[in-house]
């Protein structure tokens, strides 16, 4: 018997409507309908909740539905590749932080008169910005506690102040509006990068341990 048929069977045995099951699992009725029509499958966490709700084993829920098992195997492969990508992007973030730190201290200097190096620097900054945005989007912000979120925002603020101070010495903020905007944008990217370096490390460490 397929998972979809089991979901219908267990629900009917308890004389529950799809809406009642949805409320017990804290999800939408549309999701229940999708499961019962084999349009989608629950994740592992939700499978455990379904098992507890209907008092059946996980083995009973998964047994015989080969299509469902293939779906979970494919999801696992996708997640492995995603974790590998995130690890690579985290290392890129480390390299970017080192580069920007050297630049903020004047150790790495990009001449404003060299158009070639300005273009290369802008391309690197653009790619690095995309990298930071993607890492932040994968940070599970919505699952974090308010206490952790506040700590992250404080860290971001501290880095912003410190980097603005450093960049004002190196790039001489106040020359013109365009340069001030560019410097401000760079400070924002650097602040996010350094904050991500610190607060995304536990997730990076967890992925490496798997």
N, C-alpha and C. Protein backbone atom coordinates (compact mmCIF):
# COMPACT_ATOMS: atom_id res chain seq x y z
N UNK A 1 0.84 -1.20 0.00
CA UNK A 1 0.00 0.00 0.00
C UNK A 1 0.88 1.25 0.00
N UNK A 2 0.54 2.20 -0.84
CA UNK A 2 1.32 3.42 -0.94
C UNK A 2 1.06 4.34 0.26
N UNK A 3 2.00 5.25 0.47
CA UNK A 3 1.89 6.18 1.60
C UNK A 3 0.60 7.00 1.53
N UNK A 4 0.24 7.44 0.33
CA UNK A 4 -0.97 8.25 0.16
C UNK A 4 -2.21 7.48 0.62
N UNK A 5 -2.27 6.20 0.26
CA UNK A 5 -3.41 5.37 0.65
C UNK A 5 -3.43 5.13 2.16
N UNK A 6 -2.24 4.99 2.75
CA UNK A 6 -2.15 4.80 4.20
C UNK A 6 -2.63 6.04 4.94
N UNK A 7 -2.28 7.21 4.41
CA UNK A 7 -2.72 8.46 5.04
C UNK A 7 -4.25 8.56 5.05
N UNK A 8 -4.87 8.17 3.94
CA UNK A 8 -6.34 8.18 3.86
C UNK A 8 -6.93 7.16 4.83
N UNK A 9 -6.33 5.95 4.85
CA UNK A 9 -6.83 4.87 5.69
C UNK A 9 -6.78 5.25 7.16
N UNK A 10 -5.63 5.75 7.62
CA UNK A 10 -5.48 6.10 9.03
C UNK A 10 -6.41 7.24 9.42
N UNK A 11 -6.58 8.18 8.51
CA UNK A 11 -7.47 9.31 8.80
C UNK A 11 -8.91 8.84 8.93
N UNK A 12 -9.33 7.97 8.03
CA UNK A 12 -10.71 7.45 8.09
C UNK A 12 -10.93 6.59 9.32
N UNK A 13 -9.89 5.86 9.74
CA UNK A 13 -10.01 5.03 10.94
C UNK A 13 -10.27 5.87 12.19
N UNK A 14 -9.76 7.10 12.17
CA UNK A 14 -9.96 8.01 13.30
C UNK A 14 -11.16 8.94 13.09
N UNK A 15 -11.82 8.77 11.93
CA UNK A 15 -12.98 9.63 11.60
C UNK A 15 -12.63 11.12 11.63
N UNK A 16 -11.46 11.44 11.07
CA UNK A 16 -11.01 12.82 11.01
C UNK A 16 -11.12 13.35 9.58
N UNK A 17 -11.38 14.63 9.48
CA UNK A 17 -11.35 15.28 8.17
C UNK A 17 -9.91 15.72 7.90
N UNK A 18 -9.64 16.11 6.66
CA UNK A 18 -8.30 16.60 6.33
C UNK A 18 -7.97 17.85 7.16
N UNK A 19 -8.96 18.69 7.40
CA UNK A 19 -8.75 19.91 8.17
C UNK A 19 -8.37 19.57 9.62
N UNK A 20 -9.01 18.56 10.19
CA UNK A 20 -8.71 18.17 11.56
C UNK A 20 -7.28 17.61 11.68
N UNK A 21 -6.87 16.82 10.70
CA UNK A 21 -5.50 16.30 10.70
C UNK A 21 -4.51 17.44 10.55
N UNK A 22 -4.84 18.37 9.66
CA UNK A 22 -3.96 19.52 9.42
C UNK A 22 -3.76 20.34 10.70
N UNK A 23 -4.84 20.54 11.45
CA UNK A 23 -4.75 21.30 12.69
C UNK A 23 -3.91 20.57 13.74
N UNK A 24 -4.03 19.25 13.79
CA UNK A 24 -3.25 18.47 14.75
C UNK A 24 -1.75 18.48 14.41
N UNK A 25 -1.45 18.60 13.12
CA UNK A 25 -0.04 18.62 12.70
C UNK A 25 0.48 20.05 12.49
N UNK A 26 -0.40 21.03 12.69
CA UNK A 26 -0.04 22.44 12.54
C UNK A 26 0.45 22.76 11.13
N UNK A 27 -0.26 22.24 10.14
CA UNK A 27 0.05 22.52 8.74
C UNK A 27 -1.26 22.84 8.02
N UNK A 28 -1.20 23.12 6.73
CA UNK A 28 -2.40 23.47 5.98
C UNK A 28 -3.14 22.23 5.48
N UNK A 29 -4.44 22.38 5.25
CA UNK A 29 -5.24 21.28 4.71
C UNK A 29 -4.76 20.90 3.32
N UNK A 30 -4.29 21.90 2.57
CA UNK A 30 -3.80 21.66 1.21
C UNK A 30 -2.61 20.69 1.22
N UNK A 31 -1.77 20.79 2.26
CA UNK A 31 -0.62 19.89 2.37
C UNK A 31 -1.08 18.45 2.59
N UNK A 32 -2.10 18.27 3.45
CA UNK A 32 -2.65 16.93 3.69
C UNK A 32 -3.21 16.36 2.38
N UNK A 33 -3.93 17.19 1.65
CA UNK A 33 -4.50 16.77 0.37
C UNK A 33 -3.40 16.37 -0.61
N UNK A 34 -2.31 17.12 -0.60
CA UNK A 34 -1.19 16.83 -1.49
C UNK A 34 -0.56 15.48 -1.16
N UNK A 35 -0.44 15.18 0.13
CA UNK A 35 0.10 13.87 0.54
C UNK A 35 -0.82 12.73 0.14
N UNK A 36 -2.12 12.93 0.34
CA UNK A 36 -3.09 11.87 0.08
C UNK A 36 -3.30 11.63 -1.42
N UNK A 37 -2.80 12.55 -2.24
CA UNK A 37 -2.92 12.38 -3.69
C UNK A 37 -1.56 12.16 -4.36
N UNK A 38 -0.54 11.86 -3.52
CA UNK A 38 0.82 11.54 -4.00
C UNK A 38 1.47 12.67 -4.80
N UNK A 39 1.06 13.91 -4.52
CA UNK A 39 1.68 15.04 -5.20
C UNK A 39 2.96 15.48 -4.50
N UNK A 40 3.07 15.15 -3.21
CA UNK A 40 4.28 15.48 -2.45
C UNK A 40 4.37 14.54 -1.26
N UNK A 41 5.52 14.63 -0.56
CA UNK A 41 5.74 13.77 0.61
C UNK A 41 6.21 14.63 1.79
N UNK A 42 5.89 14.20 3.01
CA UNK A 42 6.36 14.95 4.19
C UNK A 42 7.86 14.74 4.40
N UNK A 43 8.48 15.69 5.11
CA UNK A 43 9.89 15.49 5.45
C UNK A 43 9.99 14.54 6.64
N UNK A 44 11.21 14.20 7.02
CA UNK A 44 11.42 13.21 8.08
C UNK A 44 10.82 13.68 9.41
N UNK A 45 11.00 14.96 9.71
CA UNK A 45 10.45 15.51 10.95
C UNK A 45 8.93 15.34 10.99
N UNK A 46 8.27 15.62 9.87
CA UNK A 46 6.82 15.50 9.82
C UNK A 46 6.38 14.04 9.85
N UNK A 47 7.19 13.15 9.28
CA UNK A 47 6.87 11.72 9.33
C UNK A 47 6.80 11.22 10.77
N UNK A 48 7.71 11.71 11.60
CA UNK A 48 7.71 11.33 13.02
C UNK A 48 6.43 11.81 13.68
N UNK A 49 5.99 13.02 13.35
CA UNK A 49 4.75 13.55 13.92
C UNK A 49 3.53 12.74 13.46
N UNK A 50 3.54 12.34 12.20
CA UNK A 50 2.44 11.52 11.67
C UNK A 50 2.43 10.16 12.37
N UNK A 51 3.62 9.61 12.58
CA UNK A 51 3.75 8.33 13.28
C UNK A 51 3.17 8.41 14.69
N UNK A 52 3.46 9.50 15.38
CA UNK A 52 2.94 9.70 16.74
C UNK A 52 1.43 9.94 16.72
N UNK A 53 0.96 10.68 15.72
CA UNK A 53 -0.46 11.01 15.64
C UNK A 53 -1.32 9.77 15.44
N UNK A 54 -0.89 8.89 14.54
CA UNK A 54 -1.69 7.70 14.22
C UNK A 54 -1.24 6.45 14.99
N UNK A 55 -0.20 6.61 15.82
CA UNK A 55 0.32 5.49 16.62
C UNK A 55 0.73 4.30 15.75
N UNK A 56 1.48 4.62 14.70
CA UNK A 56 2.03 3.58 13.82
C UNK A 56 3.54 3.81 13.72
N UNK A 57 4.27 2.77 13.38
CA UNK A 57 5.72 2.88 13.28
C UNK A 57 6.13 3.57 11.98
N UNK A 58 7.33 4.13 11.98
CA UNK A 58 7.86 4.74 10.76
C UNK A 58 8.04 3.68 9.68
N UNK A 59 8.42 2.49 10.10
CA UNK A 59 8.59 1.39 9.15
C UNK A 59 7.27 1.08 8.44
N UNK A 60 6.19 1.14 9.20
CA UNK A 60 4.87 0.88 8.63
C UNK A 60 4.49 1.97 7.62
N UNK A 61 4.85 3.21 7.93
CA UNK A 61 4.52 4.31 7.02
C UNK A 61 5.30 4.24 5.71
N UNK A 62 6.56 3.83 5.81
CA UNK A 62 7.45 3.84 4.64
C UNK A 62 7.41 2.56 3.82
N UNK A 63 7.06 1.46 4.46
CA UNK A 63 7.12 0.16 3.79
C UNK A 63 6.24 0.12 2.53
N UNK A 64 6.74 -0.52 1.50
CA UNK A 64 6.02 -0.83 0.26
C UNK A 64 5.95 0.33 -0.74
N UNK A 65 6.14 1.56 -0.28
CA UNK A 65 6.05 2.68 -1.22
C UNK A 65 7.45 2.99 -1.78
N UNK A 66 7.80 2.32 -2.87
CA UNK A 66 9.14 2.47 -3.46
C UNK A 66 9.34 3.86 -4.06
N UNK A 67 8.27 4.42 -4.58
CA UNK A 67 8.36 5.76 -5.16
C UNK A 67 8.72 6.79 -4.10
N UNK A 68 8.13 6.62 -2.92
CA UNK A 68 8.43 7.52 -1.81
C UNK A 68 9.88 7.37 -1.36
N UNK A 69 10.36 6.13 -1.28
CA UNK A 69 11.74 5.89 -0.88
C UNK A 69 12.72 6.48 -1.89
N UNK A 70 12.39 6.35 -3.18
CA UNK A 70 13.24 6.94 -4.23
C UNK A 70 13.28 8.45 -4.09
N UNK A 71 12.13 9.02 -3.71
CA UNK A 71 12.06 10.47 -3.52
C UNK A 71 12.98 10.92 -2.39
N UNK A 72 12.98 10.16 -1.27
CA UNK A 72 13.84 10.51 -0.14
C UNK A 72 15.32 10.32 -0.48
N UNK A 73 15.63 9.30 -1.28
CA UNK A 73 17.02 9.09 -1.70
C UNK A 73 17.51 10.25 -2.56
N UNK A 74 16.64 10.71 -3.46
CA UNK A 74 16.99 11.83 -4.33
C UNK A 74 17.16 13.11 -3.51
N UNK A 75 16.28 13.30 -2.53
CA UNK A 75 16.39 14.46 -1.65
C UNK A 75 17.70 14.42 -0.87
N UNK A 76 18.08 13.23 -0.43
CA UNK A 76 19.34 13.08 0.32
C UNK A 76 20.53 13.45 -0.55
N UNK A 77 20.55 12.97 -1.80
CA UNK A 77 21.65 13.30 -2.71
C UNK A 77 21.71 14.80 -2.96
N UNK A 78 20.54 15.41 -3.14
CA UNK A 78 20.48 16.86 -3.37
C UNK A 78 21.01 17.62 -2.17
N UNK A 79 20.63 17.17 -0.97
CA UNK A 79 21.09 17.83 0.26
C UNK A 79 22.59 17.70 0.44
N UNK A 80 23.14 16.54 0.08
CA UNK A 80 24.59 16.34 0.19
C UNK A 80 25.33 17.32 -0.71
N UNK A 81 24.85 17.46 -1.95
CA UNK A 81 25.48 18.39 -2.89
C UNK A 81 25.34 19.83 -2.40
N UNK A 82 24.18 20.13 -1.82
CA UNK A 82 23.95 21.48 -1.30
C UNK A 82 24.89 21.79 -0.14
N UNK A 83 25.08 20.81 0.75
CA UNK A 83 25.98 21.00 1.89
C UNK A 83 27.41 21.21 1.41
N UNK A 84 27.82 20.47 0.38
CA UNK A 84 29.16 20.62 -0.17
C UNK A 84 29.33 22.02 -0.77
N UNK A 85 28.30 22.50 -1.46
CA UNK A 85 28.35 23.84 -2.05
C UNK A 85 28.47 24.90 -0.96
N UNK A 86 27.68 24.74 0.12
CA UNK A 86 27.72 25.71 1.22
C UNK A 86 29.09 25.73 1.89
N UNK A 87 29.74 24.57 2.00
CA UNK A 87 31.08 24.52 2.57
C UNK A 87 32.07 25.29 1.71
N UNK A 88 31.97 25.11 0.39
CA UNK A 88 32.86 25.82 -0.54
C UNK A 88 32.63 27.33 -0.44
N UNK A 89 31.36 27.74 -0.39
CA UNK A 89 31.03 29.16 -0.30
C UNK A 89 31.50 29.76 1.02
N UNK A 90 31.49 28.95 2.08
CA UNK A 90 31.97 29.44 3.38
C UNK A 90 33.48 29.70 3.31
N UNK A 91 34.23 28.82 2.63
CA UNK A 91 35.67 29.03 2.45
C UNK A 91 35.93 30.28 1.60
N UNK A 92 35.07 30.50 0.59
CA UNK A 92 35.19 31.71 -0.22
C UNK A 92 34.96 32.94 0.65
N UNK A 93 34.01 32.83 1.57
CA UNK A 93 33.73 33.93 2.50
C UNK A 93 34.95 34.23 3.37
N UNK A 94 35.64 33.17 3.82
CA UNK A 94 36.85 33.35 4.62
C UNK A 94 37.91 34.10 3.81
N UNK A 95 38.11 33.65 2.55
CA UNK A 95 39.10 34.30 1.68
C UNK A 95 38.74 35.77 1.45
N UNK A 96 37.44 36.03 1.24
CA UNK A 96 36.99 37.40 1.03
C UNK A 96 37.22 38.27 2.26
N UNK A 97 36.97 37.71 3.44
CA UNK A 97 37.19 38.46 4.68
C UNK A 97 38.66 38.84 4.85
N UNK A 98 39.54 37.89 4.53
CA UNK A 98 40.98 38.16 4.63
C UNK A 98 41.38 39.27 3.65
N UNK A 99 40.87 39.17 2.42
CA UNK A 99 41.18 40.18 1.39
C UNK A 99 40.69 41.56 1.82
N UNK A 100 39.44 41.63 2.30
CA UNK A 100 38.88 42.92 2.69
C UNK A 100 39.57 43.48 3.93
N UNK A 101 40.00 42.59 4.83
CA UNK A 101 40.71 43.05 6.02
C UNK A 101 42.05 43.67 5.63
N UNK A 102 42.75 43.02 4.71
CA UNK A 102 44.02 43.55 4.22
C UNK A 102 43.80 44.88 3.49
N UNK A 103 42.71 44.97 2.75
CA UNK A 103 42.39 46.20 2.02
C UNK A 103 42.05 47.33 2.98
N UNK A 104 41.28 47.01 4.03
CA UNK A 104 40.89 48.03 5.01
C UNK A 104 42.09 48.58 5.76
N UNK A 105 43.13 47.75 5.91
CA UNK A 105 44.34 48.18 6.61
C UNK A 105 45.37 48.79 5.67
N UNK A 106 45.01 48.90 4.38
CA UNK A 106 45.90 49.52 3.42
C UNK A 106 47.02 48.61 2.94
N UNK A 107 47.00 47.33 3.34
CA UNK A 107 48.04 46.39 2.92
C UNK A 107 47.85 46.03 1.45
N UNK A 108 46.57 45.84 1.06
CA UNK A 108 46.23 45.65 -0.35
C UNK A 108 45.65 46.96 -0.86
N UNK A 109 46.27 47.51 -1.87
CA UNK A 109 45.84 48.83 -2.36
C UNK A 109 45.45 48.74 -3.83
N UNK A 110 44.23 49.20 -4.13
CA UNK A 110 43.75 49.25 -5.51
C UNK A 110 43.81 50.69 -5.98
N UNK A 111 44.68 50.96 -6.92
CA UNK A 111 44.86 52.33 -7.40
C UNK A 111 43.62 52.81 -8.15
N UNK A 112 43.16 54.00 -7.80
CA UNK A 112 42.00 54.57 -8.49
C UNK A 112 42.34 54.93 -9.92
N UNK A 113 43.63 55.02 -10.23
CA UNK A 113 44.05 55.39 -11.58
C UNK A 113 44.15 54.17 -12.49
N UNK A 114 44.13 52.98 -11.92
CA UNK A 114 44.23 51.75 -12.71
C UNK A 114 42.83 51.24 -13.02
N UNK A 115 42.36 51.50 -14.23
CA UNK A 115 41.00 51.10 -14.62
C UNK A 115 40.87 49.58 -14.63
N UNK A 116 41.92 48.89 -15.05
CA UNK A 116 41.91 47.43 -15.12
C UNK A 116 41.67 46.81 -13.74
N UNK A 117 42.44 47.27 -12.74
CA UNK A 117 42.30 46.72 -11.40
C UNK A 117 40.99 47.15 -10.73
N UNK A 118 40.50 48.32 -11.10
CA UNK A 118 39.21 48.76 -10.58
C UNK A 118 38.09 47.84 -11.07
N UNK A 119 38.15 47.46 -12.35
CA UNK A 119 37.14 46.56 -12.93
C UNK A 119 37.21 45.19 -12.25
N UNK A 120 38.43 44.67 -12.09
CA UNK A 120 38.61 43.37 -11.45
C UNK A 120 38.10 43.40 -10.01
N UNK A 121 38.43 44.49 -9.30
CA UNK A 121 37.99 44.63 -7.91
C UNK A 121 36.47 44.69 -7.82
N UNK A 122 35.83 45.41 -8.75
CA UNK A 122 34.37 45.54 -8.75
C UNK A 122 33.70 44.20 -9.07
N UNK A 123 34.30 43.44 -9.99
CA UNK A 123 33.75 42.12 -10.32
C UNK A 123 33.84 41.19 -9.11
N UNK A 124 35.01 41.21 -8.44
CA UNK A 124 35.19 40.39 -7.24
C UNK A 124 34.19 40.78 -6.15
N UNK A 125 33.99 42.09 -6.00
CA UNK A 125 33.04 42.58 -5.00
C UNK A 125 31.62 42.13 -5.32
N UNK A 126 31.26 42.18 -6.62
CA UNK A 126 29.93 41.75 -7.04
C UNK A 126 29.71 40.27 -6.78
N UNK A 127 30.69 39.44 -7.16
CA UNK A 127 30.59 38.00 -6.95
C UNK A 127 30.55 37.67 -5.46
N UNK A 128 31.37 38.39 -4.70
CA UNK A 128 31.41 38.15 -3.26
C UNK A 128 30.09 38.55 -2.60
N UNK A 129 29.48 39.63 -3.11
CA UNK A 129 28.19 40.07 -2.58
C UNK A 129 27.12 39.01 -2.79
N UNK A 130 27.12 38.40 -3.99
CA UNK A 130 26.17 37.32 -4.29
C UNK A 130 26.40 36.15 -3.36
N UNK A 131 27.69 35.84 -3.12
CA UNK A 131 28.05 34.74 -2.23
C UNK A 131 27.52 34.98 -0.81
N UNK A 132 27.70 36.21 -0.31
CA UNK A 132 27.23 36.55 1.04
C UNK A 132 25.71 36.45 1.14
N UNK A 133 25.03 37.01 0.13
CA UNK A 133 23.56 36.99 0.13
C UNK A 133 23.04 35.56 0.15
N UNK A 134 23.68 34.68 -0.64
CA UNK A 134 23.23 33.28 -0.68
C UNK A 134 23.48 32.59 0.66
N UNK A 135 24.65 32.83 1.26
CA UNK A 135 24.96 32.22 2.55
C UNK A 135 23.95 32.67 3.62
N UNK A 136 23.63 33.97 3.60
CA UNK A 136 22.67 34.50 4.57
C UNK A 136 21.29 33.87 4.36
N UNK A 137 20.91 33.68 3.08
CA UNK A 137 19.60 33.09 2.78
C UNK A 137 19.49 31.65 3.26
N UNK A 138 20.65 30.98 3.46
CA UNK A 138 20.66 29.59 3.92
C UNK A 138 20.97 29.48 5.42
N UNK A 139 20.90 30.58 6.14
CA UNK A 139 21.33 30.60 7.54
C UNK A 139 20.25 30.15 8.53
N UNK A 140 19.05 29.80 8.04
CA UNK A 140 17.94 29.35 8.91
C UNK A 140 17.58 30.43 9.94
N UNK A 141 17.55 31.68 9.46
CA UNK A 141 17.25 32.82 10.33
C UNK A 141 15.92 32.66 11.05
N UNK A 142 14.90 32.15 10.32
CA UNK A 142 13.56 32.05 10.90
C UNK A 142 13.49 31.03 12.04
N UNK A 143 14.47 30.12 12.11
CA UNK A 143 14.47 29.11 13.17
C UNK A 143 15.28 29.53 14.39
N UNK A 144 15.99 30.65 14.29
CA UNK A 144 16.83 31.10 15.39
C UNK A 144 16.00 31.76 16.49
N UNK A 145 16.50 31.68 17.71
CA UNK A 145 15.83 32.34 18.83
C UNK A 145 16.07 33.85 18.74
N UNK A 146 15.20 34.62 19.40
CA UNK A 146 15.35 36.08 19.39
C UNK A 146 16.67 36.49 20.04
N UNK A 147 17.09 35.75 21.05
CA UNK A 147 18.35 36.05 21.74
C UNK A 147 19.53 35.94 20.78
N UNK A 148 19.52 34.89 19.97
CA UNK A 148 20.59 34.69 19.00
C UNK A 148 20.54 35.76 17.91
N UNK A 149 19.33 36.11 17.47
CA UNK A 149 19.18 37.14 16.44
C UNK A 149 19.74 38.48 16.92
N UNK A 150 19.45 38.82 18.18
CA UNK A 150 19.93 40.08 18.74
C UNK A 150 21.46 40.09 18.80
N UNK A 151 22.06 38.96 19.18
CA UNK A 151 23.52 38.86 19.23
C UNK A 151 24.13 39.05 17.84
N UNK A 152 23.49 38.47 16.83
CA UNK A 152 23.98 38.60 15.45
C UNK A 152 23.91 40.06 15.00
N UNK A 153 22.79 40.73 15.31
CA UNK A 153 22.63 42.13 14.91
C UNK A 153 23.64 43.04 15.63
N UNK A 154 23.92 42.73 16.90
CA UNK A 154 24.93 43.50 17.64
C UNK A 154 26.31 43.30 17.02
N UNK A 155 26.62 42.05 16.65
CA UNK A 155 27.89 41.75 15.99
C UNK A 155 28.01 42.52 14.68
N UNK A 156 26.92 42.54 13.91
CA UNK A 156 26.89 43.26 12.64
C UNK A 156 27.13 44.75 12.85
N UNK A 157 26.52 45.31 13.89
CA UNK A 157 26.67 46.73 14.19
C UNK A 157 28.11 47.06 14.58
N UNK A 158 28.71 46.20 15.40
CA UNK A 158 30.10 46.42 15.85
C UNK A 158 31.06 46.40 14.65
N UNK A 159 30.89 45.39 13.78
CA UNK A 159 31.75 45.31 12.59
C UNK A 159 31.55 46.52 11.68
N UNK A 160 30.31 46.97 11.56
CA UNK A 160 30.02 48.14 10.70
C UNK A 160 30.76 49.37 11.21
N UNK A 161 30.73 49.58 12.52
CA UNK A 161 31.39 50.75 13.11
C UNK A 161 32.91 50.66 12.94
N UNK A 162 33.47 49.48 13.24
CA UNK A 162 34.92 49.30 13.14
C UNK A 162 35.41 49.45 11.70
N UNK A 163 34.68 48.82 10.76
CA UNK A 163 35.10 48.86 9.36
C UNK A 163 34.91 50.25 8.76
N UNK A 164 33.87 50.95 9.19
CA UNK A 164 33.66 52.32 8.71
C UNK A 164 34.82 53.20 9.16
N UNK A 165 35.28 52.97 10.39
CA UNK A 165 36.41 53.74 10.92
C UNK A 165 37.68 53.45 10.12
N UNK A 166 37.93 52.16 9.84
CA UNK A 166 39.11 51.78 9.07
C UNK A 166 39.06 52.32 7.65
N UNK A 167 37.89 52.17 7.00
CA UNK A 167 37.76 52.60 5.61
C UNK A 167 37.80 54.12 5.48
N UNK A 168 37.38 54.83 6.51
CA UNK A 168 37.44 56.29 6.45
C UNK A 168 38.89 56.76 6.45
N UNK A 169 39.77 55.95 7.06
CA UNK A 169 41.19 56.29 7.08
C UNK A 169 41.87 55.94 5.76
N UNK A 170 41.44 54.79 5.17
CA UNK A 170 42.09 54.31 3.95
C UNK A 170 41.54 54.99 2.71
N UNK A 171 40.18 55.14 2.64
CA UNK A 171 39.56 55.66 1.42
C UNK A 171 39.16 57.13 1.52
N UNK A 172 39.37 57.74 2.69
CA UNK A 172 39.10 59.17 2.87
C UNK A 172 37.65 59.52 2.52
N UNK A 173 36.74 59.05 3.34
CA UNK A 173 35.32 59.33 3.14
C UNK A 173 35.09 60.83 3.19
N UNK A 174 34.25 61.31 2.28
CA UNK A 174 33.92 62.72 2.24
C UNK A 174 34.42 63.42 1.00
N UNK A 175 35.17 62.68 0.15
CA UNK A 175 35.67 63.29 -1.08
C UNK A 175 34.53 63.64 -2.03
N UNK A 176 33.63 62.67 -2.27
CA UNK A 176 32.46 62.93 -3.11
C UNK A 176 31.38 61.91 -2.77
N UNK A 177 30.14 62.22 -3.20
CA UNK A 177 29.01 61.37 -2.85
C UNK A 177 29.13 59.97 -3.42
N UNK A 178 29.63 59.85 -4.66
CA UNK A 178 29.75 58.54 -5.30
C UNK A 178 30.73 57.66 -4.55
N UNK A 179 31.86 58.24 -4.17
CA UNK A 179 32.86 57.46 -3.44
C UNK A 179 32.35 57.09 -2.05
N UNK A 180 31.61 58.01 -1.42
CA UNK A 180 31.04 57.71 -0.11
C UNK A 180 30.05 56.55 -0.20
N UNK A 181 29.23 56.54 -1.28
CA UNK A 181 28.26 55.46 -1.47
C UNK A 181 28.98 54.13 -1.68
N UNK A 182 30.02 54.14 -2.52
CA UNK A 182 30.78 52.92 -2.80
C UNK A 182 31.44 52.39 -1.53
N UNK A 183 32.00 53.31 -0.74
CA UNK A 183 32.64 52.90 0.51
C UNK A 183 31.61 52.34 1.49
N UNK A 184 30.45 52.99 1.55
CA UNK A 184 29.39 52.51 2.43
C UNK A 184 28.91 51.13 2.04
N UNK A 185 28.80 50.89 0.73
CA UNK A 185 28.38 49.58 0.24
C UNK A 185 29.41 48.51 0.60
N UNK A 186 30.69 48.86 0.44
CA UNK A 186 31.76 47.92 0.77
C UNK A 186 31.77 47.61 2.27
N UNK A 187 31.53 48.63 3.09
CA UNK A 187 31.48 48.42 4.54
C UNK A 187 30.35 47.47 4.89
N UNK A 188 29.19 47.66 4.24
CA UNK A 188 28.04 46.79 4.50
C UNK A 188 28.36 45.34 4.14
N UNK A 189 28.97 45.13 2.96
CA UNK A 189 29.32 43.78 2.52
C UNK A 189 30.34 43.14 3.46
N UNK A 190 31.33 43.92 3.86
CA UNK A 190 32.36 43.40 4.76
C UNK A 190 31.75 43.04 6.12
N UNK A 191 30.84 43.88 6.60
CA UNK A 191 30.21 43.64 7.90
C UNK A 191 29.41 42.34 7.88
N UNK A 192 28.64 42.15 6.79
CA UNK A 192 27.88 40.91 6.64
C UNK A 192 28.82 39.71 6.54
N UNK A 193 29.94 39.90 5.82
CA UNK A 193 30.89 38.80 5.62
C UNK A 193 31.51 38.37 6.95
N UNK A 194 31.99 39.33 7.74
CA UNK A 194 32.62 39.00 9.01
C UNK A 194 31.61 38.44 10.02
N UNK A 195 30.40 39.01 10.00
CA UNK A 195 29.35 38.50 10.89
C UNK A 195 28.99 37.06 10.52
N UNK A 196 28.87 36.82 9.20
CA UNK A 196 28.58 35.47 8.73
C UNK A 196 29.69 34.50 9.07
N UNK A 197 30.94 34.98 8.99
CA UNK A 197 32.10 34.14 9.30
C UNK A 197 31.99 33.59 10.73
N UNK A 198 31.52 34.43 11.64
CA UNK A 198 31.42 34.03 13.05
C UNK A 198 30.17 33.19 13.31
N UNK A 199 29.01 33.69 12.88
CA UNK A 199 27.75 33.06 13.27
C UNK A 199 27.35 31.89 12.40
N UNK A 200 27.94 31.76 11.21
CA UNK A 200 27.66 30.60 10.37
C UNK A 200 28.64 29.46 10.63
N UNK A 201 29.65 29.73 11.47
CA UNK A 201 30.65 28.69 11.75
C UNK A 201 30.04 27.44 12.39
N UNK A 202 29.11 27.56 13.37
CA UNK A 202 28.51 26.34 13.95
C UNK A 202 27.83 25.46 12.90
N UNK A 203 27.13 26.10 11.93
CA UNK A 203 26.48 25.33 10.87
C UNK A 203 27.53 24.68 9.97
N UNK A 204 28.61 25.42 9.68
CA UNK A 204 29.70 24.88 8.86
C UNK A 204 30.34 23.69 9.56
N UNK A 205 30.58 23.82 10.86
CA UNK A 205 31.19 22.74 11.65
C UNK A 205 30.28 21.51 11.68
N UNK A 206 28.98 21.75 11.79
CA UNK A 206 28.01 20.65 11.80
C UNK A 206 28.00 19.91 10.47
N UNK A 207 28.07 20.67 9.36
CA UNK A 207 28.08 20.03 8.03
C UNK A 207 29.35 19.22 7.84
N UNK A 208 30.48 19.72 8.33
CA UNK A 208 31.75 19.02 8.18
C UNK A 208 31.77 17.72 8.98
N UNK A 209 31.00 17.70 10.07
CA UNK A 209 30.99 16.52 10.94
C UNK A 209 30.15 15.39 10.36
N UNK A 210 29.25 15.73 9.43
CA UNK A 210 28.35 14.71 8.86
C UNK A 210 29.08 13.84 7.85
